[in-house]
Amino acid sequence: MRKIALALAVVAFASLTQASSWAKYGDAYEKLSAQDKQKALWAEITSNDTPYGWYNALELGGLFVESMSTSLHWVGDTFEDGWLGVRDKYIHSVGSVATVKYTPVDNNEGYTGIFKSGADHGLIRLSIAKQPDQSESKHSAEAALDNFTPGFGLKFLRNNVPSGNLVAMYSVNGAKSWNFFRMDFTNHIPDAEGVALTLVAKKFETATPFVQYVGLSDIASYEQDGTLTTTPKFPFQLSFEPVLREKFTEDFSQDFQEQLASIQAGSQIYKVHAYAEPDSQKVHIGDLSITSPLVKSYFGDRYLFFKHQDIQEDIVFRPEWKSHYRVASKSSCPFSSIKNAAKGILQSAKKFMQ
């Protein structure tokens, strides 16, 4: 009996440690080409076009008991297939996904990595932070503020190394418009307003003292063929100017996913501008175009992961920028956190140079 119990335990352990077919992370996966990664991800994305759905008010409380460190430090194109199940995506739960191409334009900024090489293979997920109230009384543009809060996650796939990721929004409070493309997005967002959003920001402070910013140094560290630069050059900030600003109305007309589905593959959706320094003028450095339709996806909602690079990793390379970032949290020493970020960068580089 003891041997049978042991055998059953071994079988159970093996089943728990074997990743599900949807899981896209780990050494074997990362060694694939960018093209093969995109092919594998797109097959999962298009396998089920039913949105995962929104969390109810009670379920949203789970946000305050899960670790925020995952958003900043997990390496993979999907969440981990862990013993306790898959991490819940409480914010930006529903979105539409497309394959995307980044094309640099002529400039004299000298940025490295993807900013230099471009990216022929990638994903963009356009989503809103919470379930909006779309009742008739909320159809005016003014009623969209604090109700319709668009943003996107952007993933550049690279050969033999993990993807480069960023997320961008206009504001966590949204704007007075139901038009997804009304406002420019950025990787530096303003302070949250309102009790609920302030509580969410406080939760993110448990992982980083700089909650309003997403780093760019990793995107600048590897070209799309996996070529590493140990001295990445990257801008202080990016802004994304929507090319489709006039395509949709300011008042509500239909659900945002239905609007996004009307955008044709091959469409340019954003001009990418960079601020080289905190006091610089913006410079047009590239264009983002979708290379597929924007589709609803259970996989995109449930499993697809976009890393939020900790801005402290940028500060490792550009310490003079530190004073230009607002420290949201006093619970941990920023200098100690930056030191830990530097260690993480070195460990990652060593791993994928082997």
Protein backbone atom coordinates (compact mmCIF):
# COMPACT_ATOMS: atom_id res chain seq x y z
CA MET A 1 0.00 0.00 0.00
CA ARG A 2 2.83 2.34 0.87
CA LYS A 3 4.39 1.76 -2.59
CA ILE A 4 1.06 2.42 -4.29
CA ALA A 5 0.61 5.66 -2.36
CA LEU A 6 4.13 6.75 -3.29
CA ALA A 7 3.50 5.95 -6.95
CA LEU A 8 0.27 7.94 -6.93
CA ALA A 9 2.07 10.86 -5.31
CA VAL A 10 4.74 10.78 -8.02
CA VAL A 11 2.08 10.74 -10.76
CA ALA A 12 0.25 13.65 -9.11
CA PHE A 13 3.48 15.63 -8.78
CA ALA A 14 4.33 15.02 -12.43
CA SER A 15 0.91 16.21 -13.55
CA LEU A 16 1.28 19.38 -11.52
CA THR A 17 4.77 20.18 -12.79
CA GLN A 18 4.01 19.55 -16.47
CA ALA A 19 3.08 22.87 -18.09
CA SER A 20 -0.20 23.15 -19.98
CA SER A 21 -0.17 23.47 -23.77
CA TRP A 22 -1.06 27.16 -23.54
CA ALA A 23 2.02 27.99 -21.44
CA LYS A 24 4.58 29.99 -23.44
CA TYR A 25 7.66 30.49 -21.29
CA GLY A 26 10.82 28.69 -20.23
CA ASP A 27 14.19 28.01 -21.85
CA ALA A 28 12.94 25.77 -24.67
CA TYR A 29 10.26 28.27 -25.69
CA GLU A 30 12.54 31.30 -25.44
CA LYS A 31 15.10 29.66 -27.76
CA LEU A 32 12.56 29.76 -30.60
CA SER A 33 12.69 32.40 -33.31
CA ALA A 34 10.45 35.44 -33.03
CA GLN A 35 8.47 34.15 -36.00
CA ASP A 36 7.88 30.75 -34.41
CA LYS A 37 6.88 32.35 -31.11
CA GLN A 38 4.34 34.54 -32.87
CA LYS A 39 2.98 31.55 -34.77
CA ALA A 40 2.54 29.58 -31.53
CA LEU A 41 0.94 32.49 -29.71
CA TRP A 42 -1.39 33.38 -32.57
CA ALA A 43 -2.63 29.80 -32.80
CA GLU A 44 -3.64 30.00 -29.13
CA ILE A 45 -5.08 33.50 -29.47
CA THR A 46 -7.37 32.52 -32.34
CA SER A 47 -8.41 29.15 -30.93
CA ASN A 48 -11.31 30.64 -28.93
CA ASP A 49 -12.88 34.05 -29.63
CA THR A 50 -15.01 34.11 -26.48
CA PRO A 51 -13.82 36.82 -24.06
CA TYR A 52 -12.89 35.58 -20.60
CA GLY A 53 -15.20 38.17 -19.07
CA TRP A 54 -15.17 40.65 -16.21
CA TYR A 55 -14.70 39.97 -12.51
CA ASN A 56 -17.49 40.94 -10.14
CA ALA A 57 -16.95 43.28 -7.20
CA LEU A 58 -16.34 40.45 -4.74
CA GLU A 59 -13.85 38.71 -7.04
CA LEU A 60 -11.93 41.95 -7.60
CA GLY A 61 -10.94 41.83 -3.95
CA GLY A 62 -8.50 39.12 -4.98
CA LEU A 63 -6.28 41.84 -6.44
CA PHE A 64 -5.28 42.87 -2.94
CA VAL A 65 -4.02 39.44 -1.90
CA GLU A 66 -1.95 38.52 -4.97
CA SER A 67 1.67 39.59 -5.40
CA MET A 68 2.34 42.57 -7.66
CA SER A 69 5.91 41.39 -8.15
CA THR A 70 4.73 39.06 -10.92
CA SER A 71 3.75 41.99 -13.14
CA LEU A 72 7.28 43.40 -12.91
CA HIS A 73 9.48 40.33 -12.74
CA TRP A 74 7.87 37.27 -14.34
CA VAL A 75 9.58 36.31 -17.62
CA GLY A 76 7.30 34.75 -20.20
CA ASP A 77 4.67 35.50 -22.82
CA THR A 78 1.98 33.87 -20.70
CA PHE A 79 1.39 33.73 -16.98
CA GLU A 80 2.95 30.85 -15.09
CA ASP A 81 1.03 27.58 -15.03
CA GLY A 82 1.50 27.25 -11.28
CA TRP A 83 0.41 24.80 -8.60
CA LEU A 84 -2.22 27.21 -7.36
CA GLY A 85 -3.60 27.86 -10.83
CA VAL A 86 -3.21 30.77 -13.21
CA ARG A 87 -2.83 34.31 -11.96
CA ASP A 88 -6.01 36.35 -12.42
CA LYS A 89 -5.97 39.43 -14.63
CA TYR A 90 -8.16 41.64 -12.47
CA ILE A 91 -7.29 44.82 -14.37
CA HIS A 92 -7.65 45.05 -18.17
CA SER A 93 -9.52 41.74 -18.03
CA VAL A 94 -11.04 42.03 -21.52
CA GLY A 95 -9.23 43.12 -24.67
CA SER A 96 -8.63 42.54 -28.37
CA VAL A 97 -5.33 41.22 -29.74
CA ALA A 98 -3.52 41.62 -33.06
CA THR A 99 -0.11 40.82 -34.42
CA VAL A 100 1.92 43.99 -34.78
CA LYS A 101 4.96 45.36 -36.59
CA TYR A 102 7.23 48.17 -35.40
CA THR A 103 9.02 50.09 -38.14
CA PRO A 104 11.70 52.63 -37.16
CA VAL A 105 11.76 55.90 -39.11
CA ASP A 106 14.86 57.96 -39.85
CA ASN A 107 16.07 59.81 -36.78
CA ASN A 108 19.33 60.81 -35.13
CA GLU A 109 18.59 59.54 -31.62
CA GLY A 110 20.84 56.46 -31.79
CA TYR A 111 18.57 54.16 -29.80
CA THR A 112 19.46 50.47 -29.67
CA GLY A 113 17.70 47.12 -29.60
CA ILE A 114 14.21 47.00 -31.07
CA PHE A 115 14.28 50.79 -31.45
CA LYS A 116 17.11 50.23 -33.96
CA SER A 117 16.19 46.95 -35.64
CA GLY A 118 12.43 47.25 -35.61
CA ALA A 119 10.22 44.26 -34.91
CA ASP A 120 8.51 42.20 -37.60
CA HIS A 121 6.85 39.96 -35.02
CA GLY A 122 4.91 41.10 -32.00
CA LEU A 123 1.53 41.42 -30.33
CA ILE A 124 -0.60 44.30 -29.17
CA ARG A 125 -3.59 43.93 -26.86
CA LEU A 126 -5.99 46.88 -26.70
CA SER A 127 -8.08 46.72 -23.55
CA ILE A 128 -9.93 48.76 -20.96
CA ALA A 129 -9.08 48.72 -17.28
CA LYS A 130 -12.53 47.88 -15.94
CA GLN A 131 -16.02 46.98 -17.10
CA PRO A 132 -17.67 50.20 -18.31
CA ASP A 133 -21.23 51.29 -17.70
CA GLN A 134 -22.66 51.41 -21.23
CA SER A 135 -26.24 52.19 -20.26
CA GLU A 136 -27.95 54.86 -22.35
CA SER A 137 -27.51 57.52 -19.67
CA LYS A 138 -23.73 57.08 -19.99
CA HIS A 139 -23.47 57.47 -23.77
CA SER A 140 -22.22 61.07 -23.76
CA ALA A 141 -18.51 61.76 -24.09
CA GLU A 142 -18.47 63.40 -20.65
CA ALA A 143 -19.77 60.20 -19.06
CA ALA A 144 -16.74 58.26 -20.31
CA LEU A 145 -14.45 59.85 -17.69
CA ASP A 146 -13.76 57.36 -14.86
CA ASN A 147 -15.83 54.86 -16.83
CA PHE A 148 -14.00 54.02 -20.08
CA THR A 149 -10.25 53.64 -19.45
CA PRO A 150 -8.35 52.40 -22.51
CA GLY A 151 -4.76 51.22 -22.66
CA PHE A 152 -2.60 48.66 -24.39
CA GLY A 153 0.07 46.05 -23.80
CA LEU A 154 2.79 45.78 -26.44
CA LYS A 155 5.07 42.80 -26.95
CA PHE A 156 8.08 42.66 -29.29
CA LEU A 157 9.15 39.07 -29.96
CA ARG A 158 12.87 38.33 -30.36
CA ASN A 159 14.96 35.35 -31.44
CA ASN A 160 16.40 33.18 -28.65
CA VAL A 161 15.62 35.63 -25.82
CA PRO A 162 12.47 36.77 -23.99
CA SER A 163 10.21 39.38 -25.52
CA GLY A 164 10.44 43.09 -24.82
CA ASN A 165 7.24 44.48 -23.32
CA LEU A 166 5.60 47.71 -22.28
CA VAL A 167 2.17 48.96 -21.30
CA ALA A 168 0.76 52.40 -22.02
CA MET A 169 -2.29 54.51 -21.22
CA TYR A 170 -3.40 58.12 -21.22
CA SER A 171 -4.64 58.00 -17.64
CA VAL A 172 -6.05 55.43 -15.25
CA ASN A 173 -9.09 57.71 -15.06
CA GLY A 174 -9.58 57.75 -18.82
CA ALA A 175 -10.86 60.87 -20.58
CA LYS A 176 -14.10 62.51 -21.66
CA SER A 177 -14.42 60.33 -24.74
CA TRP A 178 -15.59 56.85 -25.76
CA ASN A 179 -13.11 56.98 -28.64
CA PHE A 180 -10.32 54.47 -27.88
CA PHE A 181 -7.93 56.52 -30.01
CA ARG A 182 -8.81 60.02 -28.81
CA MET A 183 -5.79 60.54 -26.53
CA ASP A 184 -2.07 59.91 -26.85
CA PHE A 185 -0.84 57.05 -24.67
CA THR A 186 2.45 56.98 -22.76
CA ASN A 187 4.53 54.71 -20.54
CA HIS A 188 4.48 57.49 -17.89
CA ILE A 189 0.98 58.03 -16.52
CA PRO A 190 -0.29 60.71 -14.13
CA ASP A 191 -1.45 60.14 -10.56
CA ALA A 192 -4.61 58.13 -10.01
CA GLU A 193 -7.64 60.08 -8.82
CA GLY A 194 -10.36 58.59 -6.67
CA VAL A 195 -10.36 56.23 -3.70
CA ALA A 196 -10.58 52.93 -5.62
CA LEU A 197 -7.77 53.75 -8.05
CA THR A 198 -5.60 55.11 -5.26
CA LEU A 199 -5.98 51.80 -3.42
CA VAL A 200 -4.88 49.92 -6.55
CA ALA A 201 -1.85 52.22 -6.84
CA LYS A 202 -1.03 51.51 -3.20
CA LYS A 203 -1.10 47.80 -3.98
CA PHE A 204 1.43 48.29 -6.79
CA GLU A 205 3.65 50.17 -4.34
CA THR A 206 4.31 46.84 -2.63
CA ALA A 207 6.38 45.86 -5.70
CA THR A 208 8.03 49.15 -6.71
CA PRO A 209 8.25 52.68 -5.35
CA PHE A 210 7.75 54.02 -8.90
CA VAL A 211 4.26 52.83 -9.83
CA GLN A 212 3.48 55.32 -12.62
CA TYR A 213 6.29 54.37 -14.98
CA VAL A 214 7.25 51.46 -17.23
CA GLY A 215 10.86 50.94 -18.26
CA LEU A 216 12.32 50.81 -21.77
CA SER A 217 15.87 49.56 -21.24
CA ASP A 218 15.00 45.92 -21.91
CA ILE A 219 13.43 46.76 -25.28
CA ALA A 220 16.68 48.59 -26.10
CA SER A 221 18.88 45.69 -24.96
CA TYR A 222 18.16 43.16 -27.72
CA GLU A 223 17.46 43.51 -31.43
CA GLN A 224 14.78 41.33 -32.97
CA ASP A 225 17.40 38.73 -34.01
CA GLY A 226 18.49 38.43 -30.37
CA THR A 227 21.67 40.51 -30.68
CA LEU A 228 22.55 41.88 -27.24
CA THR A 229 23.93 45.32 -26.47
CA THR A 230 25.37 45.75 -22.99
CA THR A 231 25.10 49.54 -23.26
CA PRO A 232 21.49 50.08 -24.30
CA LYS A 233 20.40 53.53 -25.38
CA PHE A 234 16.74 54.27 -24.83
CA PRO A 235 14.52 57.33 -24.38
CA PHE A 236 13.30 58.75 -21.11
CA GLN A 237 9.69 58.43 -22.24
CA LEU A 238 7.56 57.28 -25.17
CA SER A 239 4.27 58.66 -26.42
CA PHE A 240 1.95 56.97 -28.88
CA GLU A 241 0.04 59.26 -31.23
CA PRO A 242 -3.07 57.55 -32.62
CA VAL A 243 -3.36 57.63 -36.40
CA LEU A 244 -7.04 56.65 -36.14
CA ARG A 245 -8.04 59.57 -33.90
CA GLU A 246 -10.89 60.65 -36.19
CA LYS A 247 -12.19 57.16 -37.04
CA PHE A 248 -14.61 56.85 -34.11
CA THR A 249 -17.05 59.20 -32.38
CA GLU A 250 -16.58 60.80 -28.98
CA ASP A 251 -20.00 59.66 -27.78
CA PHE A 252 -20.73 55.96 -27.29
CA SER A 253 -21.86 54.16 -30.44
CA GLN A 254 -20.92 50.50 -29.89
CA ASP A 255 -18.74 48.30 -27.70
CA PHE A 256 -15.04 49.04 -28.12
CA GLN A 257 -14.24 45.50 -29.27
CA GLU A 258 -16.73 45.79 -32.13
CA GLN A 259 -15.08 49.06 -33.18
CA LEU A 260 -11.60 47.53 -33.02
CA ALA A 261 -12.75 44.60 -35.16
CA SER A 262 -13.51 47.07 -37.98
CA ILE A 263 -9.84 48.09 -38.32
CA GLN A 264 -8.24 46.34 -41.27
CA ALA A 265 -5.05 44.32 -41.04
CA GLY A 266 -2.15 46.37 -42.35
CA SER A 267 -3.44 49.60 -40.79
CA GLN A 268 -1.00 51.92 -39.06
CA ILE A 269 -2.43 52.62 -35.62
CA TYR A 270 0.22 54.70 -33.84
CA LYS A 271 3.13 57.00 -34.51
CA VAL A 272 5.76 56.43 -31.83
CA HIS A 273 7.46 59.50 -30.38
CA ALA A 274 10.38 59.57 -27.96
CA TYR A 275 11.56 62.09 -25.39
CA ALA A 276 15.32 61.55 -25.19
CA GLU A 277 15.63 63.37 -21.85
CA PRO A 278 13.16 64.69 -19.26
CA ASP A 279 13.31 68.18 -20.80
CA SER A 280 13.56 67.14 -24.48
CA GLN A 281 11.09 67.74 -27.27
CA LYS A 282 9.47 64.64 -28.70
CA VAL A 283 10.91 63.06 -31.85
CA HIS A 284 9.07 60.70 -34.20
CA ILE A 285 11.10 57.45 -34.08
CA GLY A 286 8.80 54.77 -35.49
CA ASP A 287 5.39 53.50 -36.51
CA LEU A 288 3.17 50.70 -35.20
CA SER A 289 0.96 48.79 -37.62
CA ILE A 290 -1.25 45.78 -37.04
CA THR A 291 -0.57 42.83 -39.35
CA SER A 292 -3.78 40.96 -38.49
CA PRO A 293 -7.31 41.87 -37.46
CA LEU A 294 -7.91 42.79 -33.81
CA VAL A 295 -9.69 39.76 -32.40
CA LYS A 296 -11.45 38.80 -29.19
CA SER A 297 -9.59 36.02 -27.43
CA TYR A 298 -10.07 33.85 -24.36
CA PHE A 299 -6.34 33.12 -24.40
CA GLY A 300 -5.51 36.82 -24.68
CA ASP A 301 -7.71 37.65 -21.71
CA ARG A 302 -6.81 34.69 -19.50
CA TYR A 303 -3.20 33.77 -20.21
CA LEU A 304 -1.34 36.35 -22.30
CA PHE A 305 1.15 38.30 -20.19
CA PHE A 306 2.77 41.70 -20.77
CA LYS A 307 5.62 42.44 -18.40
CA HIS A 308 5.67 45.89 -16.79
CA GLN A 309 9.42 46.58 -16.72
CA ASP A 310 10.37 48.21 -13.43
CA ILE A 311 11.63 51.74 -14.16
CA GLN A 312 14.36 51.09 -11.60
CA GLU A 313 16.07 48.98 -14.27
CA ASP A 314 16.23 52.10 -16.46
CA ILE A 315 17.67 54.07 -13.55
CA VAL A 316 20.54 51.55 -13.34
CA PHE A 317 21.70 52.86 -16.72
CA ARG A 318 20.55 56.48 -16.30
CA PRO A 319 20.79 57.35 -12.58
CA GLU A 320 20.52 61.06 -13.37
CA TRP A 321 16.88 60.49 -14.31
CA LYS A 322 15.93 59.27 -10.85
CA SER A 323 15.00 62.73 -9.56
CA HIS A 324 12.46 63.07 -12.38
CA TYR A 325 10.41 60.09 -11.20
CA ARG A 326 7.96 60.58 -8.38
CA VAL A 327 8.52 58.14 -5.53
CA ALA A 328 5.10 56.81 -4.60
CA SER A 329 6.17 54.46 -1.84
CA LYS A 330 8.31 55.10 1.22
CA SER A 331 8.03 51.52 2.40
CA SER A 332 11.30 50.45 0.83
CA CYS A 333 14.56 52.20 0.05
CA PRO A 334 14.67 53.18 -3.64
CA PHE A 335 18.47 52.85 -3.70
CA SER A 336 18.25 49.30 -2.38
CA SER A 337 15.57 48.50 -4.95
CA ILE A 338 17.69 49.89 -7.78
CA LYS A 339 20.63 47.78 -6.61
CA ASN A 340 18.40 44.70 -6.77
CA ALA A 341 17.23 45.73 -10.24
CA ALA A 342 20.85 45.93 -11.40
CA LYS A 343 21.48 42.41 -10.15
CA GLY A 344 18.42 41.21 -12.05
CA ILE A 345 19.62 42.78 -15.30
CA LEU A 346 23.04 41.12 -14.99
CA GLN A 347 21.55 37.72 -14.18
CA SER A 348 19.20 37.93 -17.17
CA ALA A 349 21.98 38.95 -19.55
CA LYS A 350 24.27 36.14 -18.36
CA LYS A 351 21.52 33.55 -18.76
CA PHE A 352 20.74 34.39 -22.36
CA MET A 353 24.38 34.88 -23.41
CA GLN A 354 25.11 31.25 -22.56
